[in-house]
Amino acid sequence: MKELPTPEIYEKEFKYMPWGILIKKILDITKQDTQKGSNILDLMCGPGYLLSKIKELRPDLKLKGVDINEEFIGYAQEKYDGIKFEVADVLKWKTKEKYDLILCTGGLHHLPYEKQEELVKEIRSLLNEEGFCIIADPYIDDYSNEKERKLAALKLGYEYLIEVIKNSAPKEIISAAVDILNNDLMGFEFKNSIKKNKLIFEKYFSSVLVHKTWPKSNSEYGDYFFILRK
């Protein structure tokens, strides 16, 4: 397995990878659709980039991030004041708090396929009744066997590489995109299809809205986010 990028490279990826388009959209929704003083939780928050941008737009919100990666959390704690960060496995992390908005962006595919539903179920239990969650991920074409999954992962990874090169990314970002392709292709990460994850979301939420941010073409693969309500 190729190691995750450093926090510094991770944050630079948003400038060159199409994922940055999705993050901007989520920031717009958070800014507009959360009430004053809302309690926000970011699960698998990485080095805290998304929460830091939310804080810039909405300093009134109560922000917490949870991630298993000690390096990422240490970086976030040192760089971003006014946000609570905690090192924990999100599948084992427990709290009595309820949240008005729960975010999970680019996190679900780090969990084995058989564990992804477990996290979705836990997210629902942590939501206030009137709250909502946003789950975002890169998705591959649907597949019915391992050969098809590998081909779908290769297709998505290739398109990511094209995008970062078109965006004149430095070599460390291109290298990170190559690592993403390797991890997906070899089954170290677990990107799913829209069809498969949508079935899971519909099992636990009565309102399931899907939005695609990249690519603009009529493809099944790409960057999507779901807005989910009980």
C-alpha atoms as a PDB file:
ATOM      1  CA  MET A   1       0.000   0.000   0.000  1.00  0.00           C
ATOM      2  CA  LYS A   2       1.201   3.500  -0.866  1.00  0.00           C
ATOM      3  CA  GLU A   3       1.316   5.714   2.212  1.00  0.00           C
ATOM      4  CA  LEU A   4      -1.042   8.658   2.598  1.00  0.00           C
ATOM      5  CA  PRO A   5       0.456  12.024   1.612  1.00  0.00           C
ATOM      6  CA  THR A   6       1.796  14.377   4.246  1.00  0.00           C
ATOM      7  CA  PRO A   7      -0.710  16.902   5.623  1.00  0.00           C
ATOM      8  CA  GLU A   8       0.959  19.639   3.586  1.00  0.00           C
ATOM      9  CA  ILE A   9       0.617  17.733   0.310  1.00  0.00           C
ATOM     10  CA  TYR A  10      -2.901  16.647   1.246  1.00  0.00           C
ATOM     11  CA  GLU A  11      -3.973  20.274   1.524  1.00  0.00           C
ATOM     12  CA  LYS A  12      -2.267  21.216  -1.755  1.00  0.00           C
ATOM     13  CA  GLU A  13      -4.267  18.518  -3.563  1.00  0.00           C
ATOM     14  CA  PHE A  14      -7.429  20.621  -3.300  1.00  0.00           C
ATOM     15  CA  LYS A  15      -5.896  23.182  -5.653  1.00  0.00           C
ATOM     16  CA  TYR A  16      -5.064  20.731  -8.418  1.00  0.00           C
ATOM     17  CA  MET A  17      -7.471  17.798  -8.112  1.00  0.00           C
ATOM     18  CA  PRO A  18     -11.152  18.060  -9.097  1.00  0.00           C
ATOM     19  CA  TRP A  19     -12.018  17.186  -5.483  1.00  0.00           C
ATOM     20  CA  GLY A  20     -11.493  20.874  -4.699  1.00  0.00           C
ATOM     21  CA  ILE A  21     -14.634  21.702  -6.704  1.00  0.00           C
ATOM     22  CA  LEU A  22     -16.676  19.433  -4.458  1.00  0.00           C
ATOM     23  CA  ILE A  23     -15.215  20.932  -1.284  1.00  0.00           C
ATOM     24  CA  LYS A  24     -16.193  24.435  -2.417  1.00  0.00           C
ATOM     25  CA  LYS A  25     -19.767  23.244  -2.969  1.00  0.00           C
ATOM     26  CA  ILE A  26     -19.930  21.694   0.510  1.00  0.00           C
ATOM     27  CA  LEU A  27     -18.621  24.921   2.002  1.00  0.00           C
ATOM     28  CA  ASP A  28     -21.409  26.855   0.268  1.00  0.00           C
ATOM     29  CA  ILE A  29     -24.051  24.482   1.638  1.00  0.00           C
ATOM     30  CA  THR A  30     -22.613  24.607   5.155  1.00  0.00           C
ATOM     31  CA  LYS A  31     -22.472  28.385   5.108  1.00  0.00           C
ATOM     32  CA  GLN A  32     -26.050  28.771   3.879  1.00  0.00           C
ATOM     33  CA  ASP A  33     -27.932  25.869   5.460  1.00  0.00           C
ATOM     34  CA  THR A  34     -26.694  25.678   9.054  1.00  0.00           C
ATOM     35  CA  GLN A  35     -28.265  27.706  11.829  1.00  0.00           C
ATOM     36  CA  LYS A  36     -26.265  29.920  14.152  1.00  0.00           C
ATOM     37  CA  GLY A  37     -24.311  27.960  16.749  1.00  0.00           C
ATOM     38  CA  SER A  38     -24.905  24.589  15.090  1.00  0.00           C
ATOM     39  CA  ASN A  39     -22.893  21.588  16.235  1.00  0.00           C
ATOM     40  CA  ILE A  40     -20.778  20.238  13.344  1.00  0.00           C
ATOM     41  CA  LEU A  41     -18.873  16.951  13.254  1.00  0.00           C
ATOM     42  CA  ASP A  42     -16.363  15.932  10.576  1.00  0.00           C
ATOM     43  CA  LEU A  43     -15.649  12.191  10.633  1.00  0.00           C
ATOM     44  CA  MET A  44     -12.370  11.062   9.041  1.00  0.00           C
ATOM     45  CA  CYS A  45     -11.455  14.735   8.923  1.00  0.00           C
ATOM     46  CA  GLY A  46      -7.854  14.280   7.791  1.00  0.00           C
ATOM     47  CA  PRO A  47      -5.625  17.265   8.621  1.00  0.00           C
ATOM     48  CA  GLY A  48      -8.584  19.556   9.237  1.00  0.00           C
ATOM     49  CA  TYR A  49      -8.698  21.494   5.964  1.00  0.00           C
ATOM     50  CA  LEU A  50     -12.474  21.422   5.515  1.00  0.00           C
ATOM     51  CA  LEU A  51     -13.207  22.437   9.108  1.00  0.00           C
ATOM     52  CA  SER A  52     -10.690  25.271   8.886  1.00  0.00           C
ATOM     53  CA  LYS A  53     -12.470  26.675   5.832  1.00  0.00           C
ATOM     54  CA  ILE A  54     -15.851  26.314   7.543  1.00  0.00           C
ATOM     55  CA  LYS A  55     -14.511  28.251  10.533  1.00  0.00           C
ATOM     56  CA  GLU A  56     -13.425  31.087   8.234  1.00  0.00           C
ATOM     57  CA  LEU A  57     -16.926  31.317   6.769  1.00  0.00           C
ATOM     58  CA  ARG A  58     -18.949  30.595   9.930  1.00  0.00           C
ATOM     59  CA  PRO A  59     -16.979  31.321  13.125  1.00  0.00           C
ATOM     60  CA  ASP A  60     -20.218  30.877  15.119  1.00  0.00           C
ATOM     61  CA  LEU A  61     -20.339  27.126  14.514  1.00  0.00           C
ATOM     62  CA  LYS A  62     -19.100  24.512  16.999  1.00  0.00           C
ATOM     63  CA  LEU A  63     -16.625  22.330  15.111  1.00  0.00           C
ATOM     64  CA  LYS A  64     -15.146  18.920  15.904  1.00  0.00           C
ATOM     65  CA  GLY A  65     -13.029  16.583  13.794  1.00  0.00           C
ATOM     66  CA  VAL A  66     -12.200  12.915  14.362  1.00  0.00           C
ATOM     67  CA  ASP A  67      -9.572  10.890  12.494  1.00  0.00           C
ATOM     68  CA  ILE A  68      -7.473   7.815  13.201  1.00  0.00           C
ATOM     69  CA  ASN A  69      -4.304   9.348  11.730  1.00  0.00           C
ATOM     70  CA  GLU A  70      -2.213  10.833  14.551  1.00  0.00           C
ATOM     71  CA  GLU A  71      -0.025  12.846  12.172  1.00  0.00           C
ATOM     72  CA  PHE A  72      -3.049  14.485  10.562  1.00  0.00           C
ATOM     73  CA  ILE A  73      -4.681  15.323  13.891  1.00  0.00           C
ATOM     74  CA  GLY A  74      -1.441  16.637  15.346  1.00  0.00           C
ATOM     75  CA  TYR A  75      -1.049  18.908  12.329  1.00  0.00           C
ATOM     76  CA  ALA A  76      -4.650  20.134  12.658  1.00  0.00           C
ATOM     77  CA  GLN A  77      -4.348  20.800  16.392  1.00  0.00           C
ATOM     78  CA  GLU A  78      -1.200  22.841  15.877  1.00  0.00           C
ATOM     79  CA  LYS A  79      -2.435  24.814  12.857  1.00  0.00           C
ATOM     80  CA  TYR A  80      -6.136  25.459  13.507  1.00  0.00           C
ATOM     81  CA  ASP A  81      -7.287  27.179  16.692  1.00  0.00           C
ATOM     82  CA  GLY A  82     -10.867  27.068  17.886  1.00  0.00           C
ATOM     83  CA  ILE A  83     -11.616  23.603  16.498  1.00  0.00           C
ATOM     84  CA  LYS A  84     -11.682  20.428  18.586  1.00  0.00           C
ATOM     85  CA  PHE A  85      -9.784  17.498  17.097  1.00  0.00           C
ATOM     86  CA  GLU A  86      -9.541  13.949  18.389  1.00  0.00           C
ATOM     87  CA  VAL A  87      -7.584  10.866  17.372  1.00  0.00           C
ATOM     88  CA  ALA A  88      -9.959   7.911  17.162  1.00  0.00           C
ATOM     89  CA  ASP A  89     -11.211   5.097  14.961  1.00  0.00           C
ATOM     90  CA  VAL A  90     -14.601   6.398  13.818  1.00  0.00           C
ATOM     91  CA  LEU A  91     -16.088   2.900  14.029  1.00  0.00           C
ATOM     92  CA  LYS A  92     -15.172   2.685  17.720  1.00  0.00           C
ATOM     93  CA  TRP A  93     -15.519   6.342  18.741  1.00  0.00           C
ATOM     94  CA  LYS A  94     -18.414   7.008  21.113  1.00  0.00           C
ATOM     95  CA  THR A  95     -20.078  10.232  22.211  1.00  0.00           C
ATOM     96  CA  LYS A  96     -23.313  11.300  23.866  1.00  0.00           C
ATOM     97  CA  GLU A  97     -23.492  14.452  21.760  1.00  0.00           C
ATOM     98  CA  LYS A  98     -25.830  14.914  18.819  1.00  0.00           C
ATOM     99  CA  TYR A  99     -24.930  16.970  15.776  1.00  0.00           C
ATOM    100  CA  ASP A 100     -26.789  19.297  13.436  1.00  0.00           C
ATOM    101  CA  LEU A 101     -24.479  18.502  10.531  1.00  0.00           C
ATOM    102  CA  ILE A 102     -22.158  15.544  10.090  1.00  0.00           C
ATOM    103  CA  LEU A 103     -19.577  15.559   7.312  1.00  0.00           C
ATOM    104  CA  CYS A 104     -17.674  12.627   5.866  1.00  0.00           C
ATOM    105  CA  THR A 105     -15.775  13.727   2.789  1.00  0.00           C
ATOM    106  CA  GLY A 106     -13.380  11.387   1.056  1.00  0.00           C
ATOM    107  CA  GLY A 107     -13.470   9.063   4.027  1.00  0.00           C
ATOM    108  CA  LEU A 108     -15.876   6.240   3.303  1.00  0.00           C
ATOM    109  CA  HIS A 109     -13.600   4.597   0.728  1.00  0.00           C
ATOM    110  CA  HIS A 110     -10.874   4.151   3.342  1.00  0.00           C
ATOM    111  CA  LEU A 111     -13.101   1.593   5.083  1.00  0.00           C
ATOM    112  CA  PRO A 112     -13.413  -1.978   3.791  1.00  0.00           C
ATOM    113  CA  TYR A 113     -16.632  -2.504   1.844  1.00  0.00           C
ATOM    114  CA  GLU A 114     -18.162  -4.594   4.622  1.00  0.00           C
ATOM    115  CA  LYS A 115     -17.532  -1.766   7.159  1.00  0.00           C
ATOM    116  CA  GLN A 116     -18.990   1.129   5.163  1.00  0.00           C
ATOM    117  CA  GLU A 117     -22.589   0.441   6.128  1.00  0.00           C
ATOM    118  CA  GLU A 118     -21.554   0.328   9.787  1.00  0.00           C
ATOM    119  CA  LEU A 119     -20.319   3.917   9.571  1.00  0.00           C
ATOM    120  CA  VAL A 120     -23.437   5.107   7.746  1.00  0.00           C
ATOM    121  CA  LYS A 121     -25.592   3.590  10.491  1.00  0.00           C
ATOM    122  CA  GLU A 122     -23.472   5.293  13.172  1.00  0.00           C
ATOM    123  CA  ILE A 123     -23.731   8.656  11.417  1.00  0.00           C
ATOM    124  CA  ARG A 124     -27.516   8.427  11.497  1.00  0.00           C
ATOM    125  CA  SER A 125     -27.470   7.729  15.240  1.00  0.00           C
ATOM    126  CA  LEU A 126     -25.350  10.842  15.894  1.00  0.00           C
ATOM    127  CA  LEU A 127     -27.659  13.230  14.040  1.00  0.00           C
ATOM    128  CA  ASN A 128     -30.218  15.501  15.649  1.00  0.00           C
ATOM    129  CA  GLU A 129     -33.716  14.809  14.334  1.00  0.00           C
ATOM    130  CA  GLU A 130     -33.679  17.960  12.194  1.00  0.00           C
ATOM    131  CA  GLY A 131     -30.029  17.606  11.266  1.00  0.00           C
ATOM    132  CA  PHE A 132     -28.484  16.403   8.029  1.00  0.00           C
ATOM    133  CA  CYS A 133     -25.270  14.843   6.860  1.00  0.00           C
ATOM    134  CA  ILE A 134     -23.121  15.147   3.768  1.00  0.00           C
ATOM    135  CA  ILE A 135     -21.228  12.084   2.629  1.00  0.00           C
ATOM    136  CA  ALA A 136     -18.913  12.719  -0.311  1.00  0.00           C
ATOM    137  CA  ASP A 137     -16.592  10.376  -2.150  1.00  0.00           C
ATOM    138  CA  PRO A 138     -15.024   9.641  -5.509  1.00  0.00           C
ATOM    139  CA  TYR A 139     -17.024   6.854  -7.161  1.00  0.00           C
ATOM    140  CA  ILE A 140     -16.123   4.266  -9.763  1.00  0.00           C
ATOM    141  CA  ASP A 141     -18.340   2.678 -12.389  1.00  0.00           C
ATOM    142  CA  ASP A 142     -20.573  -0.113 -11.123  1.00  0.00           C
ATOM    143  CA  TYR A 143     -19.078  -3.589 -11.185  1.00  0.00           C
ATOM    144  CA  SER A 144     -20.129  -7.186 -10.604  1.00  0.00           C
ATOM    145  CA  ASN A 145     -16.776  -8.923 -10.112  1.00  0.00           C
ATOM    146  CA  GLU A 146     -13.175  -8.172  -9.150  1.00  0.00           C
ATOM    147  CA  LYS A 147     -11.943  -7.770 -12.718  1.00  0.00           C
ATOM    148  CA  GLU A 148     -14.629  -5.167 -13.393  1.00  0.00           C
ATOM    149  CA  ARG A 149     -13.794  -3.399 -10.126  1.00  0.00           C
ATOM    150  CA  LYS A 150     -10.125  -3.130 -11.065  1.00  0.00           C
ATOM    151  CA  LEU A 151     -10.950  -1.778 -14.514  1.00  0.00           C
ATOM    152  CA  ALA A 152     -13.337   0.768 -12.993  1.00  0.00           C
ATOM    153  CA  ALA A 153     -10.706   1.870 -10.452  1.00  0.00           C
ATOM    154  CA  LEU A 154      -8.128   2.202 -13.224  1.00  0.00           C
ATOM    155  CA  LYS A 155     -10.509   4.343 -15.265  1.00  0.00           C
ATOM    156  CA  LEU A 156     -11.143   6.781 -12.397  1.00  0.00           C
ATOM    157  CA  GLY A 157      -7.461   6.962 -11.466  1.00  0.00           C
ATOM    158  CA  TYR A 158      -6.457   7.666 -15.057  1.00  0.00           C
ATOM    159  CA  GLU A 159      -8.929  10.548 -15.292  1.00  0.00           C
ATOM    160  CA  TYR A 160      -7.612  12.017 -12.034  1.00  0.00           C
ATOM    161  CA  LEU A 161      -4.086  11.917 -13.448  1.00  0.00           C
ATOM    162  CA  ILE A 162      -5.203  13.701 -16.585  1.00  0.00           C
ATOM    163  CA  GLU A 163      -6.855  16.441 -14.515  1.00  0.00           C
ATOM    164  CA  VAL A 164      -3.868  17.143 -12.267  1.00  0.00           C
ATOM    165  CA  ILE A 165      -1.516  17.290 -15.253  1.00  0.00           C
ATOM    166  CA  LYS A 166      -3.911  19.645 -17.066  1.00  0.00           C
ATOM    167  CA  ASN A 167      -3.945  21.817 -13.935  1.00  0.00           C
ATOM    168  CA  SER A 168      -0.125  22.065 -14.010  1.00  0.00           C
ATOM    169  CA  ALA A 169       0.241  20.273 -10.700  1.00  0.00           C
ATOM    170  CA  PRO A 170       3.738  19.926  -9.202  1.00  0.00           C
ATOM    171  CA  LYS A 171       5.321  16.504  -9.235  1.00  0.00           C
ATOM    172  CA  GLU A 172       4.412  15.719  -5.608  1.00  0.00           C
ATOM    173  CA  ILE A 173       0.709  16.096  -6.468  1.00  0.00           C
ATOM    174  CA  ILE A 174       1.094  13.966  -9.588  1.00  0.00           C
ATOM    175  CA  SER A 175       2.850  11.366  -7.448  1.00  0.00           C
ATOM    176  CA  ALA A 176      -0.030  11.467  -4.939  1.00  0.00           C
ATOM    177  CA  ALA A 177      -2.501  10.886  -7.799  1.00  0.00           C
ATOM    178  CA  VAL A 178      -0.451   7.878  -8.946  1.00  0.00           C
ATOM    179  CA  ASP A 179      -0.557   6.528  -5.385  1.00  0.00           C
ATOM    180  CA  ILE A 180      -4.354   6.902  -5.323  1.00  0.00           C
ATOM    181  CA  LEU A 181      -4.603   4.873  -8.518  1.00  0.00           C
ATOM    182  CA  ASN A 182      -2.317   2.172  -7.101  1.00  0.00           C
ATOM    183  CA  ASN A 183      -4.213   1.873  -3.810  1.00  0.00           C
ATOM    184  CA  ASP A 184      -7.576   1.660  -5.568  1.00  0.00           C
ATOM    185  CA  LEU A 185      -6.428  -0.801  -8.213  1.00  0.00           C
ATOM    186  CA  MET A 186      -4.736  -3.125  -5.737  1.00  0.00           C
ATOM    187  CA  GLY A 187      -7.633  -3.085  -3.268  1.00  0.00           C
ATOM    188  CA  PHE A 188      -5.921  -1.177  -0.450  1.00  0.00           C
ATOM    189  CA  GLU A 189      -8.700   1.404  -0.617  1.00  0.00           C
ATOM    190  CA  PHE A 190     -12.339   0.697  -1.300  1.00  0.00           C
ATOM    191  CA  LYS A 191     -14.036   3.084  -3.687  1.00  0.00           C
ATOM    192  CA  ASN A 192     -17.537   1.942  -4.511  1.00  0.00           C
ATOM    193  CA  SER A 193     -20.123   2.676  -7.180  1.00  0.00           C
ATOM    194  CA  ILE A 194     -22.935   5.183  -6.802  1.00  0.00           C
ATOM    195  CA  LYS A 195     -25.462   2.377  -7.208  1.00  0.00           C
ATOM    196  CA  LYS A 196     -24.046   0.294  -4.363  1.00  0.00           C
ATOM    197  CA  ASN A 197     -23.618   3.121  -1.845  1.00  0.00           C
ATOM    198  CA  LYS A 198     -26.976   4.685  -2.673  1.00  0.00           C
ATOM    199  CA  LEU A 199     -28.652   1.449  -1.614  1.00  0.00           C
ATOM    200  CA  ILE A 200     -26.913   1.686   1.766  1.00  0.00           C
ATOM    201  CA  PHE A 201     -27.906   5.332   2.270  1.00  0.00           C
ATOM    202  CA  GLU A 202     -31.543   4.625   1.412  1.00  0.00           C
ATOM    203  CA  LYS A 203     -31.593   1.936   4.074  1.00  0.00           C
ATOM    204  CA  TYR A 204     -30.952   4.462   6.863  1.00  0.00           C
ATOM    205  CA  PHE A 205     -32.227   7.814   5.568  1.00  0.00           C
ATOM    206  CA  SER A 206     -35.651   8.826   4.265  1.00  0.00           C
ATOM    207  CA  SER A 207     -34.240  11.672   2.149  1.00  0.00           C
ATOM    208  CA  VAL A 208     -31.287  10.878  -0.137  1.00  0.00           C
ATOM    209  CA  LEU A 209     -30.201  13.601  -2.567  1.00  0.00           C
ATOM    210  CA  VAL A 210     -27.211  13.066  -4.837  1.00  0.00           C
ATOM    211  CA  HIS A 211     -25.088  15.736  -6.536  1.00  0.00           C
ATOM    212  CA  LYS A 212     -22.241  15.275  -8.993  1.00  0.00           C
ATOM    213  CA  THR A 213     -19.434  17.835  -9.184  1.00  0.00           C
ATOM    214  CA  TRP A 214     -16.956  16.202 -11.597  1.00  0.00           C
ATOM    215  CA  PRO A 215     -16.611  15.411 -14.443  1.00  0.00           C
ATOM    216  CA  LYS A 216     -19.196  17.390 -16.381  1.00  0.00           C
ATOM    217  CA  SER A 217     -19.587  14.569 -18.883  1.00  0.00           C
ATOM    218  CA  ASN A 218     -22.381  12.035 -18.503  1.00  0.00           C
ATOM    219  CA  SER A 219     -20.224   9.488 -16.698  1.00  0.00           C
ATOM    220  CA  GLU A 220     -21.060   7.150 -13.862  1.00  0.00           C
ATOM    221  CA  TYR A 221     -17.632   7.566 -12.244  1.00  0.00           C
ATOM    222  CA  GLY A 222     -16.589  10.833 -10.632  1.00  0.00           C
ATOM    223  CA  ASP A 223     -16.929  13.016  -7.538  1.00  0.00           C
ATOM    224  CA  TYR A 224     -20.340  13.011  -5.841  1.00  0.00           C
ATOM    225  CA  PHE A 225     -21.831  14.086  -2.572  1.00  0.00           C
ATOM    226  CA  PHE A 226     -25.026  12.936  -0.877  1.00  0.00           C
ATOM    227  CA  ILE A 227     -27.220  15.080   1.372  1.00  0.00           C
ATOM    228  CA  LEU A 228     -28.967  12.724   3.797  1.00  0.00           C
ATOM    229  CA  ARG A 229     -31.771  13.358   6.282  1.00  0.00           C
ATOM    230  CA  LYS A 230     -33.593  11.040   8.679  1.00  0.00           C
END
